[in-house]
Amino acid sequence: MIKTRRGLIAAIVTLAGVVLAGVTFFVARQPSSTLNDELAAQVTLILEQASPGEHHAHGHSFESGVVCAVEPFGTEPPNAASLIEVRWVYARHMCAITGESPDWAASVRASGPIAVKIDIPPEVRVPKAGAGYPDRVRQLIPERYHTPAFEEFSDDAAIEAARERFALASSTAK
C-alpha cells in the first residue's frame, strides 16, 4: 500500500511539474502586448548598469553613472512577438551623465540610434559620431528601420521619466 501511495504521489508531482513547465513555456511564447515597454526597460537597464569601461568601448568617456531614456523602433527577428524571441533591439536613446551637472538641461548627454544584443552579456553598438555618421547608422541598423532610426522620440514619456530619475540621482549625489 505504501509503495502504491508513494508511486501515486511521485506521479502527481511529476505531472504537476510537467504541466507547470509547459504553461511557463506557453506564456513566455505568447505575444506581449507591452513588448516595446519591456524592451525599453531591458535596454535602459543595460545602458544604466554598464560600467565606465563598457561605455568607453562604445565611444563615451566618463566615470560617473548615467540615466537613460530608450524608445525601441525595431527588433531582430522583425516579427518577434515576445521578449524571449528578441535577439537584437534597435532603439533611439538619450543618456545623461550624472554628477557633471545637477540640471538635466545642462547635463552632458549622448543620444541617437543604437543596437543592443539581448544576451549574457549584452552587447551595445553605437555608431561613432562625426563625419559619416548617417552612413554608420545605416550600416548598424537594418534597412527596414532606417527611417525610424533618424526620427526623434515619438513620446516624451521616456524622456520625462529619465529626467525624474536624473533629478533623483543628482539630489542623492549631493
N, C-alpha and C. Protein backbone atom coordinates (compact mmCIF):
# COMPACT_ATOMS: atom_id res chain seq x y z
N MET A 1 0.82 -1.19 0.00
CA MET A 1 0.00 0.00 0.00
C MET A 1 0.86 1.26 0.00
N ILE A 2 1.94 1.26 0.79
CA ILE A 2 2.82 2.43 0.87
C ILE A 2 3.51 2.65 -0.47
N LYS A 3 3.97 1.58 -1.12
CA LYS A 3 4.64 1.71 -2.41
C LYS A 3 3.69 2.32 -3.43
N THR A 4 2.46 1.94 -3.43
CA THR A 4 1.49 2.46 -4.37
C THR A 4 1.22 3.94 -4.10
N ARG A 5 1.09 4.29 -2.84
CA ARG A 5 0.84 5.69 -2.48
C ARG A 5 2.04 6.56 -2.87
N ARG A 6 3.26 6.08 -2.60
CA ARG A 6 4.46 6.83 -2.99
C ARG A 6 4.53 6.98 -4.50
N GLY A 7 4.21 5.93 -5.20
CA GLY A 7 4.21 5.99 -6.66
C GLY A 7 3.20 6.98 -7.19
N LEU A 8 2.02 6.99 -6.57
CA LEU A 8 0.97 7.93 -6.97
C LEU A 8 1.41 9.37 -6.70
N ILE A 9 1.98 9.60 -5.54
CA ILE A 9 2.45 10.95 -5.19
C ILE A 9 3.56 11.38 -6.15
N ALA A 10 4.48 10.48 -6.44
CA ALA A 10 5.57 10.80 -7.37
C ALA A 10 5.01 11.13 -8.75
N ALA A 11 4.02 10.37 -9.18
CA ALA A 11 3.41 10.61 -10.49
C ALA A 11 2.70 11.96 -10.52
N ILE A 12 2.00 12.30 -9.45
CA ILE A 12 1.29 13.58 -9.38
C ILE A 12 2.28 14.74 -9.38
N VAL A 13 3.35 14.62 -8.60
CA VAL A 13 4.37 15.68 -8.55
C VAL A 13 5.03 15.84 -9.92
N THR A 14 5.35 14.73 -10.56
CA THR A 14 5.96 14.79 -11.89
C THR A 14 5.01 15.43 -12.89
N LEU A 15 3.77 15.02 -12.88
CA LEU A 15 2.77 15.58 -13.79
C LEU A 15 2.60 17.08 -13.55
N ALA A 16 2.54 17.47 -12.29
CA ALA A 16 2.39 18.90 -11.96
C ALA A 16 3.60 19.68 -12.47
N GLY A 17 4.79 19.13 -12.32
CA GLY A 17 5.99 19.80 -12.81
C GLY A 17 5.98 19.96 -14.32
N VAL A 18 5.57 18.92 -15.03
CA VAL A 18 5.50 18.97 -16.49
C VAL A 18 4.46 20.01 -16.93
N VAL A 19 3.32 20.02 -16.29
CA VAL A 19 2.27 20.99 -16.63
C VAL A 19 2.76 22.41 -16.36
N LEU A 20 3.40 22.63 -15.22
CA LEU A 20 3.92 23.96 -14.89
C LEU A 20 4.97 24.40 -15.91
N ALA A 21 5.86 23.51 -16.28
CA ALA A 21 6.88 23.86 -17.28
C ALA A 21 6.22 24.19 -18.62
N GLY A 22 5.23 23.42 -19.00
CA GLY A 22 4.52 23.68 -20.26
C GLY A 22 3.80 25.01 -20.25
N VAL A 23 3.13 25.31 -19.16
CA VAL A 23 2.41 26.59 -19.04
C VAL A 23 3.40 27.75 -19.07
N THR A 24 4.51 27.61 -18.36
CA THR A 24 5.53 28.66 -18.35
C THR A 24 6.06 28.90 -19.75
N PHE A 25 6.38 27.83 -20.47
CA PHE A 25 6.88 27.96 -21.83
C PHE A 25 5.83 28.60 -22.73
N PHE A 26 4.58 28.18 -22.60
CA PHE A 26 3.49 28.71 -23.42
C PHE A 26 3.30 30.20 -23.16
N VAL A 27 3.29 30.60 -21.90
CA VAL A 27 3.10 32.01 -21.55
C VAL A 27 4.27 32.84 -22.07
N ALA A 28 5.49 32.33 -21.96
CA ALA A 28 6.66 33.08 -22.42
C ALA A 28 6.64 33.28 -23.93
N ARG A 29 5.98 32.40 -24.65
CA ARG A 29 5.92 32.48 -26.11
C ARG A 29 4.74 33.31 -26.62
N GLN A 30 3.86 33.71 -25.75
CA GLN A 30 2.69 34.47 -26.18
C GLN A 30 3.09 35.89 -26.54
N PRO A 31 2.42 36.47 -27.52
CA PRO A 31 2.73 37.85 -27.89
C PRO A 31 2.57 38.77 -26.69
N SER A 32 3.52 39.65 -26.54
CA SER A 32 3.49 40.58 -25.42
C SER A 32 2.84 41.87 -25.88
N SER A 33 1.77 42.25 -25.21
CA SER A 33 1.09 43.49 -25.58
C SER A 33 1.94 44.70 -25.22
N THR A 34 2.91 44.50 -24.38
CA THR A 34 3.76 45.60 -23.96
C THR A 34 5.22 45.32 -24.32
N LEU A 35 5.44 44.67 -25.45
CA LEU A 35 6.80 44.29 -25.83
C LEU A 35 7.73 45.51 -25.89
N ASN A 36 7.29 46.60 -26.49
CA ASN A 36 8.15 47.78 -26.56
C ASN A 36 8.50 48.30 -25.17
N ASP A 37 7.54 48.27 -24.25
CA ASP A 37 7.81 48.70 -22.88
C ASP A 37 8.84 47.78 -22.22
N GLU A 38 8.69 46.48 -22.44
CA GLU A 38 9.63 45.52 -21.87
C GLU A 38 11.03 45.71 -22.46
N LEU A 39 11.08 45.93 -23.77
CA LEU A 39 12.38 46.14 -24.43
C LEU A 39 13.01 47.44 -23.96
N ALA A 40 12.21 48.49 -23.83
CA ALA A 40 12.73 49.77 -23.35
C ALA A 40 13.31 49.61 -21.95
N ALA A 41 12.60 48.91 -21.09
CA ALA A 41 13.09 48.70 -19.72
C ALA A 41 14.38 47.88 -19.72
N GLN A 42 14.43 46.85 -20.55
CA GLN A 42 15.61 45.99 -20.62
C GLN A 42 16.83 46.78 -21.12
N VAL A 43 16.66 47.53 -22.20
CA VAL A 43 17.78 48.29 -22.76
C VAL A 43 18.20 49.42 -21.81
N THR A 44 17.23 50.07 -21.17
CA THR A 44 17.56 51.11 -20.19
C THR A 44 18.42 50.52 -19.08
N LEU A 45 18.03 49.38 -18.58
CA LEU A 45 18.79 48.71 -17.53
C LEU A 45 20.21 48.37 -18.00
N ILE A 46 20.31 47.86 -19.21
CA ILE A 46 21.63 47.51 -19.76
C ILE A 46 22.51 48.76 -19.84
N LEU A 47 21.96 49.85 -20.36
CA LEU A 47 22.76 51.08 -20.50
C LEU A 47 23.12 51.68 -19.14
N GLU A 48 22.17 51.72 -18.24
CA GLU A 48 22.41 52.37 -16.95
C GLU A 48 23.32 51.55 -16.04
N GLN A 49 23.36 50.25 -16.25
CA GLN A 49 24.21 49.41 -15.40
C GLN A 49 25.56 49.10 -16.04
N ALA A 50 25.80 49.62 -17.22
CA ALA A 50 27.09 49.38 -17.88
C ALA A 50 28.20 50.07 -17.10
N SER A 51 29.34 49.44 -17.08
CA SER A 51 30.49 50.01 -16.38
C SER A 51 31.08 51.16 -17.21
N PRO A 52 31.87 52.03 -16.59
CA PRO A 52 32.55 53.07 -17.37
C PRO A 52 33.37 52.48 -18.52
N GLY A 53 33.98 51.33 -18.29
CA GLY A 53 34.76 50.67 -19.35
C GLY A 53 33.88 50.25 -20.52
N GLU A 54 32.70 49.74 -20.21
CA GLU A 54 31.77 49.35 -21.28
C GLU A 54 31.30 50.57 -22.06
N HIS A 55 31.03 51.66 -21.35
CA HIS A 55 30.65 52.90 -22.04
C HIS A 55 31.80 53.40 -22.90
N HIS A 56 33.01 53.32 -22.38
CA HIS A 56 34.18 53.77 -23.13
C HIS A 56 34.34 52.95 -24.41
N ALA A 57 34.01 51.67 -24.35
CA ALA A 57 34.14 50.79 -25.51
C ALA A 57 33.25 51.23 -26.67
N HIS A 58 32.16 51.92 -26.36
CA HIS A 58 31.35 52.42 -27.47
C HIS A 58 31.39 53.94 -27.58
N GLY A 59 32.55 54.52 -27.20
CA GLY A 59 32.82 55.91 -27.51
C GLY A 59 32.47 56.94 -26.47
N HIS A 60 32.08 56.53 -25.28
CA HIS A 60 31.73 57.50 -24.24
C HIS A 60 32.76 57.40 -23.13
N SER A 61 33.24 58.55 -22.68
CA SER A 61 34.28 58.54 -21.66
C SER A 61 33.84 59.37 -20.45
N PHE A 62 33.54 58.70 -19.36
CA PHE A 62 33.16 59.35 -18.11
C PHE A 62 33.26 58.33 -16.99
N GLU A 63 33.29 58.81 -15.78
CA GLU A 63 33.45 57.92 -14.63
C GLU A 63 32.20 57.81 -13.76
N SER A 64 31.22 58.66 -13.98
CA SER A 64 30.02 58.60 -13.15
C SER A 64 28.93 57.78 -13.83
N GLY A 65 27.76 57.74 -13.23
CA GLY A 65 26.66 56.97 -13.78
C GLY A 65 25.91 57.70 -14.87
N VAL A 66 24.98 57.00 -15.47
CA VAL A 66 24.13 57.59 -16.50
C VAL A 66 22.67 57.27 -16.21
N VAL A 67 21.82 58.14 -16.71
CA VAL A 67 20.38 57.91 -16.67
C VAL A 67 19.92 57.99 -18.12
N CYS A 68 19.15 57.00 -18.55
CA CYS A 68 18.82 56.91 -19.98
C CYS A 68 17.32 56.84 -20.24
N ALA A 69 16.96 57.37 -21.39
CA ALA A 69 15.62 57.20 -21.96
C ALA A 69 15.81 56.35 -23.21
N VAL A 70 14.93 55.38 -23.40
CA VAL A 70 15.05 54.46 -24.53
C VAL A 70 13.69 54.28 -25.17
N GLU A 71 13.68 54.30 -26.51
CA GLU A 71 12.45 54.05 -27.26
C GLU A 71 12.76 53.10 -28.41
N PRO A 72 12.40 51.82 -28.27
CA PRO A 72 12.67 50.85 -29.34
C PRO A 72 11.87 51.17 -30.60
N PHE A 73 12.49 50.88 -31.76
CA PHE A 73 11.76 51.03 -33.02
C PHE A 73 11.88 49.79 -33.89
N GLY A 74 12.58 48.77 -33.41
CA GLY A 74 12.66 47.55 -34.19
C GLY A 74 13.36 46.43 -33.44
N THR A 75 13.20 45.22 -33.96
CA THR A 75 13.81 44.05 -33.34
C THR A 75 14.34 43.11 -34.41
N GLU A 76 15.18 42.23 -33.97
CA GLU A 76 15.62 41.10 -34.78
C GLU A 76 15.33 39.86 -33.97
N PRO A 77 14.52 38.97 -34.42
CA PRO A 77 13.82 38.99 -35.70
C PRO A 77 12.72 40.06 -35.72
N PRO A 78 12.40 40.53 -36.93
CA PRO A 78 11.44 41.63 -37.03
C PRO A 78 10.02 41.27 -36.59
N ASN A 79 9.69 40.00 -36.60
CA ASN A 79 8.34 39.58 -36.22
C ASN A 79 8.28 39.05 -34.79
N ALA A 80 9.28 39.35 -33.98
CA ALA A 80 9.29 38.89 -32.59
C ALA A 80 8.03 39.39 -31.89
N ALA A 81 7.39 38.50 -31.19
CA ALA A 81 6.15 38.86 -30.51
C ALA A 81 6.30 38.87 -28.99
N SER A 82 7.42 38.36 -28.50
CA SER A 82 7.63 38.34 -27.05
C SER A 82 9.11 38.56 -26.76
N LEU A 83 9.39 38.98 -25.56
CA LEU A 83 10.75 39.30 -25.15
C LEU A 83 11.70 38.12 -25.35
N ILE A 84 11.24 36.94 -25.12
CA ILE A 84 12.09 35.75 -25.22
C ILE A 84 12.57 35.50 -26.66
N GLU A 85 11.84 36.02 -27.64
CA GLU A 85 12.20 35.82 -29.04
C GLU A 85 13.20 36.85 -29.56
N VAL A 86 13.36 37.96 -28.88
CA VAL A 86 14.17 39.07 -29.37
C VAL A 86 15.66 38.80 -29.18
N ARG A 87 16.42 38.94 -30.27
CA ARG A 87 17.88 38.81 -30.20
C ARG A 87 18.54 40.19 -30.20
N TRP A 88 18.04 41.10 -31.04
CA TRP A 88 18.57 42.46 -31.13
C TRP A 88 17.43 43.45 -30.99
N VAL A 89 17.71 44.54 -30.32
CA VAL A 89 16.77 45.65 -30.20
C VAL A 89 17.41 46.86 -30.88
N TYR A 90 16.64 47.52 -31.71
CA TYR A 90 17.08 48.77 -32.33
C TYR A 90 16.25 49.87 -31.69
N ALA A 91 16.95 50.87 -31.15
CA ALA A 91 16.24 51.88 -30.37
C ALA A 91 16.92 53.22 -30.49
N ARG A 92 16.15 54.26 -30.20
CA ARG A 92 16.77 55.57 -30.01
C ARG A 92 16.98 55.71 -28.51
N HIS A 93 18.06 56.36 -28.16
CA HIS A 93 18.37 56.52 -26.74
C HIS A 93 18.84 57.93 -26.46
N MET A 94 18.72 58.32 -25.23
CA MET A 94 19.31 59.56 -24.75
C MET A 94 19.78 59.28 -23.32
N CYS A 95 21.08 59.40 -23.11
CA CYS A 95 21.64 59.16 -21.79
C CYS A 95 22.31 60.43 -21.29
N ALA A 96 22.05 60.77 -20.05
CA ALA A 96 22.66 61.94 -19.41
C ALA A 96 23.61 61.45 -18.33
N ILE A 97 24.77 62.07 -18.28
CA ILE A 97 25.78 61.70 -17.28
C ILE A 97 25.44 62.39 -15.97
N THR A 98 25.34 61.61 -14.92
CA THR A 98 25.05 62.17 -13.60
C THR A 98 26.35 62.66 -12.98
N GLY A 99 26.24 63.61 -12.09
CA GLY A 99 27.41 64.09 -11.37
C GLY A 99 28.10 65.27 -12.02
N GLU A 100 27.93 65.45 -13.32
CA GLU A 100 28.57 66.58 -14.01
C GLU A 100 27.80 67.87 -13.73
N SER A 101 26.49 67.79 -13.82
CA SER A 101 25.62 68.94 -13.59
C SER A 101 24.34 68.44 -12.94
N PRO A 102 23.81 69.16 -11.98
CA PRO A 102 22.56 68.72 -11.36
C PRO A 102 21.33 69.04 -12.21
N ASP A 103 21.53 69.75 -13.30
CA ASP A 103 20.43 70.19 -14.16
C ASP A 103 20.42 69.37 -15.45
N TRP A 104 19.30 68.71 -15.73
CA TRP A 104 19.16 67.90 -16.93
C TRP A 104 19.51 68.71 -18.18
N ALA A 105 19.00 69.91 -18.28
CA ALA A 105 19.21 70.73 -19.48
C ALA A 105 20.69 71.05 -19.70
N ALA A 106 21.46 71.12 -18.64
CA ALA A 106 22.88 71.44 -18.76
C ALA A 106 23.77 70.19 -18.70
N SER A 107 23.16 69.04 -18.57
CA SER A 107 23.94 67.81 -18.43
C SER A 107 24.60 67.41 -19.75
N VAL A 108 25.66 66.64 -19.63
CA VAL A 108 26.31 66.08 -20.80
C VAL A 108 25.49 64.87 -21.21
N ARG A 109 25.07 64.86 -22.48
CA ARG A 109 24.20 63.77 -22.94
C ARG A 109 24.71 63.17 -24.25
N ALA A 110 24.35 61.94 -24.45
CA ALA A 110 24.60 61.24 -25.71
C ALA A 110 23.25 60.71 -26.18
N SER A 111 23.01 60.80 -27.47
CA SER A 111 21.73 60.30 -27.98
C SER A 111 21.88 59.82 -29.41
N GLY A 112 20.89 59.08 -29.84
CA GLY A 112 20.86 58.58 -31.21
C GLY A 112 20.44 57.13 -31.25
N PRO A 113 20.47 56.55 -32.44
CA PRO A 113 20.09 55.15 -32.57
C PRO A 113 21.19 54.22 -32.06
N ILE A 114 20.77 53.11 -31.49
CA ILE A 114 21.70 52.09 -31.01
C ILE A 114 21.16 50.71 -31.37
N ALA A 115 22.04 49.74 -31.34
CA ALA A 115 21.65 48.34 -31.49
C ALA A 115 22.13 47.62 -30.24
N VAL A 116 21.23 46.86 -29.62
CA VAL A 116 21.57 46.15 -28.39
C VAL A 116 21.23 44.68 -28.55
N LYS A 117 22.23 43.85 -28.38
CA LYS A 117 22.02 42.40 -28.42
C LYS A 117 21.60 41.96 -27.03
N ILE A 118 20.44 41.33 -26.96
CA ILE A 118 19.93 40.84 -25.68
C ILE A 118 20.55 39.46 -25.46
N ASP A 119 21.57 39.43 -24.65
CA ASP A 119 22.33 38.21 -24.43
C ASP A 119 23.03 38.33 -23.08
N ILE A 120 23.77 37.31 -22.72
CA ILE A 120 24.56 37.36 -21.49
C ILE A 120 26.01 37.18 -21.90
N PRO A 121 26.83 38.19 -21.84
CA PRO A 121 26.48 39.58 -21.52
C PRO A 121 25.85 40.26 -22.73
N PRO A 122 25.12 41.33 -22.48
CA PRO A 122 24.54 42.07 -23.60
C PRO A 122 25.63 42.79 -24.39
N GLU A 123 25.30 43.15 -25.60
CA GLU A 123 26.25 43.88 -26.45
C GLU A 123 25.57 45.15 -26.93
N VAL A 124 26.22 46.28 -26.74
CA VAL A 124 25.68 47.56 -27.16
C VAL A 124 26.55 48.09 -28.29
N ARG A 125 25.90 48.44 -29.39
CA ARG A 125 26.62 49.04 -30.52
C ARG A 125 26.07 50.43 -30.76
N VAL A 126 26.99 51.38 -30.81
CA VAL A 126 26.65 52.79 -31.01
C VAL A 126 27.43 53.28 -32.21
N PRO A 127 26.76 53.90 -33.19
CA PRO A 127 27.52 54.43 -34.33
C PRO A 127 28.41 55.57 -33.87
N LYS A 128 29.63 55.57 -34.35
CA LYS A 128 30.60 56.61 -33.98
C LYS A 128 30.14 57.96 -34.52
N ALA A 129 30.24 58.98 -33.67
CA ALA A 129 29.85 60.34 -34.06
C ALA A 129 30.86 60.92 -35.04
N GLY A 130 30.48 62.01 -35.68
CA GLY A 130 31.38 62.72 -36.58
C GLY A 130 30.99 62.56 -38.03
N ALA A 131 31.90 63.00 -38.89
CA ALA A 131 31.64 62.92 -40.33
C ALA A 131 31.34 61.48 -40.73
N GLY A 132 30.32 61.31 -41.55
CA GLY A 132 29.93 59.97 -41.98
C GLY A 132 28.97 59.26 -41.04
N TYR A 133 28.50 59.98 -40.02
CA TYR A 133 27.60 59.38 -39.02
C TYR A 133 26.37 58.73 -39.65
N PRO A 134 25.65 59.42 -40.55
CA PRO A 134 24.46 58.77 -41.14
C PRO A 134 24.78 57.44 -41.83
N ASP A 135 25.92 57.37 -42.48
CA ASP A 135 26.30 56.11 -43.13
C ASP A 135 26.57 55.02 -42.10
N ARG A 136 27.19 55.39 -40.98
CA ARG A 136 27.46 54.39 -39.93
C ARG A 136 26.16 53.92 -39.29
N VAL A 137 25.19 54.82 -39.17
CA VAL A 137 23.87 54.41 -38.65
C VAL A 137 23.26 53.39 -39.61
N ARG A 138 23.31 53.68 -40.90
CA ARG A 138 22.73 52.77 -41.90
C ARG A 138 23.44 51.42 -41.92
N GLN A 139 24.72 51.40 -41.60
CA GLN A 139 25.44 50.13 -41.53
C GLN A 139 25.04 49.33 -40.29
N LEU A 140 24.73 50.02 -39.22
CA LEU A 140 24.39 49.37 -37.95
C LEU A 140 22.95 48.89 -37.91
N ILE A 141 22.05 49.68 -38.44
CA ILE A 141 20.61 49.41 -38.34
C ILE A 141 20.12 48.78 -39.65
N PRO A 142 19.34 47.70 -39.57
CA PRO A 142 18.82 47.09 -40.81
C PRO A 142 18.01 48.09 -41.64
N GLU A 143 18.04 47.92 -42.93
CA GLU A 143 17.41 48.86 -43.86
C GLU A 143 15.94 49.11 -43.54
N ARG A 144 15.23 48.09 -43.12
CA ARG A 144 13.80 48.25 -42.84
C ARG A 144 13.54 49.26 -41.72
N TYR A 145 14.58 49.58 -40.92
CA TYR A 145 14.43 50.51 -39.81
C TYR A 145 15.17 51.83 -40.03
N HIS A 146 15.65 52.09 -41.23
CA HIS A 146 16.41 53.32 -41.47
C HIS A 146 15.59 54.58 -41.18
N THR A 147 14.36 54.62 -41.61
CA THR A 147 13.55 55.82 -41.38
C THR A 147 13.36 56.09 -39.89
N PRO A 148 12.88 55.13 -39.10
CA PRO A 148 12.72 55.43 -37.67
C PRO A 148 14.05 55.67 -36.95
N ALA A 149 15.15 55.15 -37.48
CA ALA A 149 16.44 55.36 -36.84
C ALA A 149 16.82 56.83 -36.78
N PHE A 150 16.34 57.60 -37.74
CA PHE A 150 16.69 59.02 -37.79
C PHE A 150 15.60 59.93 -37.24
N GLU A 151 14.56 59.34 -36.69
CA GLU A 151 13.47 60.14 -36.12
C GLU A 151 13.76 60.48 -34.66
N GLU A 152 13.05 61.48 -34.17
CA GLU A 152 13.13 61.86 -32.76
C GLU A 152 12.26 60.91 -31.94
N PHE A 153 12.36 61.01 -30.63
CA PHE A 153 11.47 60.24 -29.75
C PHE A 153 10.03 60.59 -30.13
N SER A 154 9.20 59.58 -30.25
CA SER A 154 7.81 59.82 -30.63
C SER A 154 6.94 60.16 -29.41
N ASP A 155 7.45 59.85 -28.23
CA ASP A 155 6.69 60.09 -27.00
C ASP A 155 7.66 60.64 -25.96
N ASP A 156 7.26 61.72 -25.31
CA ASP A 156 8.13 62.34 -24.30
C ASP A 156 8.14 61.60 -22.97
N ALA A 157 7.32 60.57 -22.82
CA ALA A 157 7.21 59.88 -21.53
C ALA A 157 8.55 59.28 -21.09
N ALA A 158 9.27 58.67 -22.01
CA ALA A 158 10.56 58.05 -21.66
C ALA A 158 11.56 59.11 -21.23
N ILE A 159 11.57 60.23 -21.92
CA ILE A 159 12.50 61.31 -21.57
C ILE A 159 12.10 61.93 -20.23
N GLU A 160 10.82 62.12 -20.02
CA GLU A 160 10.36 62.68 -18.74
C GLU A 160 10.72 61.75 -17.58
N ALA A 161 10.55 60.46 -17.77
CA ALA A 161 10.91 59.50 -16.71
C ALA A 161 12.42 59.56 -16.44
N ALA A 162 13.21 59.69 -17.50
CA ALA A 162 14.66 59.80 -17.33
C ALA A 162 15.02 61.09 -16.60
N ARG A 163 14.34 62.18 -16.94
CA ARG A 163 14.60 63.46 -16.24
C ARG A 163 14.33 63.33 -14.75
N GLU A 164 13.24 62.65 -14.41
CA GLU A 164 12.90 62.46 -13.00
C GLU A 164 13.97 61.61 -12.29
N ARG A 165 14.42 60.54 -12.94
CA ARG A 165 15.46 59.70 -12.35
C ARG A 165 16.78 60.47 -12.24
N PHE A 166 17.04 61.33 -13.23
CA PHE A 166 18.25 62.16 -13.21
C PHE A 166 18.21 63.12 -12.02
N ALA A 167 17.06 63.77 -11.83
CA ALA A 167 16.92 64.71 -10.71
C ALA A 167 17.11 63.98 -9.38
N LEU A 168 16.56 62.79 -9.28
CA LEU A 168 16.70 62.00 -8.07
C LEU A 168 18.17 61.61 -7.86
N ALA A 169 18.83 61.17 -8.92
CA ALA A 169 20.24 60.79 -8.82
C ALA A 169 21.10 61.99 -8.46
N SER A 170 20.78 63.15 -9.02
CA SER A 170 21.55 64.36 -8.73
C SER A 170 21.33 64.82 -7.29
N SER A 171 20.11 64.69 -6.79
CA SER A 171 19.84 65.14 -5.42
C SER A 171 20.44 64.20 -4.38
N THR A 172 20.53 62.92 -4.69
CA THR A 172 21.11 61.97 -3.72
C THR A 172 22.63 61.97 -3.79
N ALA A 173 23.19 62.51 -4.88
CA ALA A 173 24.65 62.54 -5.02
C ALA A 173 25.27 63.68 -4.21
N LYS A 174 24.44 64.61 -3.77
CA LYS A 174 24.96 65.78 -3.04
C LYS A 174 25.35 65.42 -1.63
